[in-house]
Amino acid sequence: MLHTHSHTHTHTHTGSADGWSVALLNGLPASGVELSADGSGIAASDTPVTSSSWYFVAPPAFSGDLKGAYNGKLSLSVVTLEVADARAAKDLHDPLVVLQATCGHYLYYTRSTVTSGVTTVMLNEDAGWKDSRTGKTAGSLDMLGVLSHLSQIKIRGGFFKTSAETTRLGSLTIEAGHRSWFPCCTLTNEVDMCAKKPTDWFSPSNLVFYCEGSLRQTIKVTRVYPRFARRTGGASITVEGQNFGLSGSEPIVRIGGRKCETTRFAASSHTTVDREHPNNKNGNALLGAWDDATVKILQITQHIDYYIVCLPGH
């Protein structure tokens, strides 16, 4: 029986591996690794030619907005059942746990020892989580960013790169933290963390943390024209600035609190420089768009009353 629990869902699997899969660290399928289930959990067996570390990939119940787990705990029970070559050495260099973000990067946790009992790690910046983009310790906004936009949780199952092995994952639990943190707008038009839920006057209720955390590129507006238009709507408004998003995406623009009916990127004479990881995909700041750190001109159609400086995404 595999016990799996997140702070919003509880699942118990008996003799079934439904929703679970196995993959490599880079997300590619772990070829040659077979997944099975019994009354003690789910297990996977590889072959002697499986030289890369492979991972149990948790079902969708462990994805989405899990910011409530910040300062909580992730607990797991993983045990090696069989190793074909008794002389093979256990490799612990690769991450034990991976938290994959929807915007491309991930946070990882590595241990120098892995016992057959329950392993527990705190879900905060003091626990030793590292950022895949920098290899450095993740900060509080990095943790909240990934937990708020969690794509997958991966638990390492392949520890012997020179021998076939069978590994069992007996349990996976995520516990919520004792204190909630909320995204809030700052006076510099960015999203930060607040201990109290902010009012809707300056921080809309559906505001979210930046997926990219401390490495986000903030959207900046340099010009809006024309400055006056009909209150009845229908005017064409042009907004110029930085980090509006990729051509072909659908930026979110609100004027006077109302969402614009249509948006499009107009022709721009500026040079486009794509970043490795898209930024601000959920559009939770200023103009709400998927950012590639480029300077573009955004054409929008709608009426204008005044300009909102910090806006939520979907």
Foldseek 3Di string as FASTA:
>chain_A
DEWEAAAVDTDDDAFDPPQKAKPAPQRHHQPQKDWTAHRQFIKIWHFQQSQGWMWIKGGPVQFAAQLQLAQWKKKWAKDWDDWPDPPFDFAQPDFQKWFAFPQGWIKGHTDPDDDRGMDMATQAQVRQIATPVPRHGDHRQQSNLSNNGTDIMIGIADGGSRTMTMMGIRYIYGHGRPAHWDWFADPVFATDIDRDDDDCPQANPQFGRKNNGPPADAWDWDDKPDPADDPVWFDKIKTWTWFAEDAPWFWWADAPNHTFPGKHWDDDPWDADFDPTWTQPQQFTQGRHTGRGTTTMMMTGIHHDGGRGTHGGD
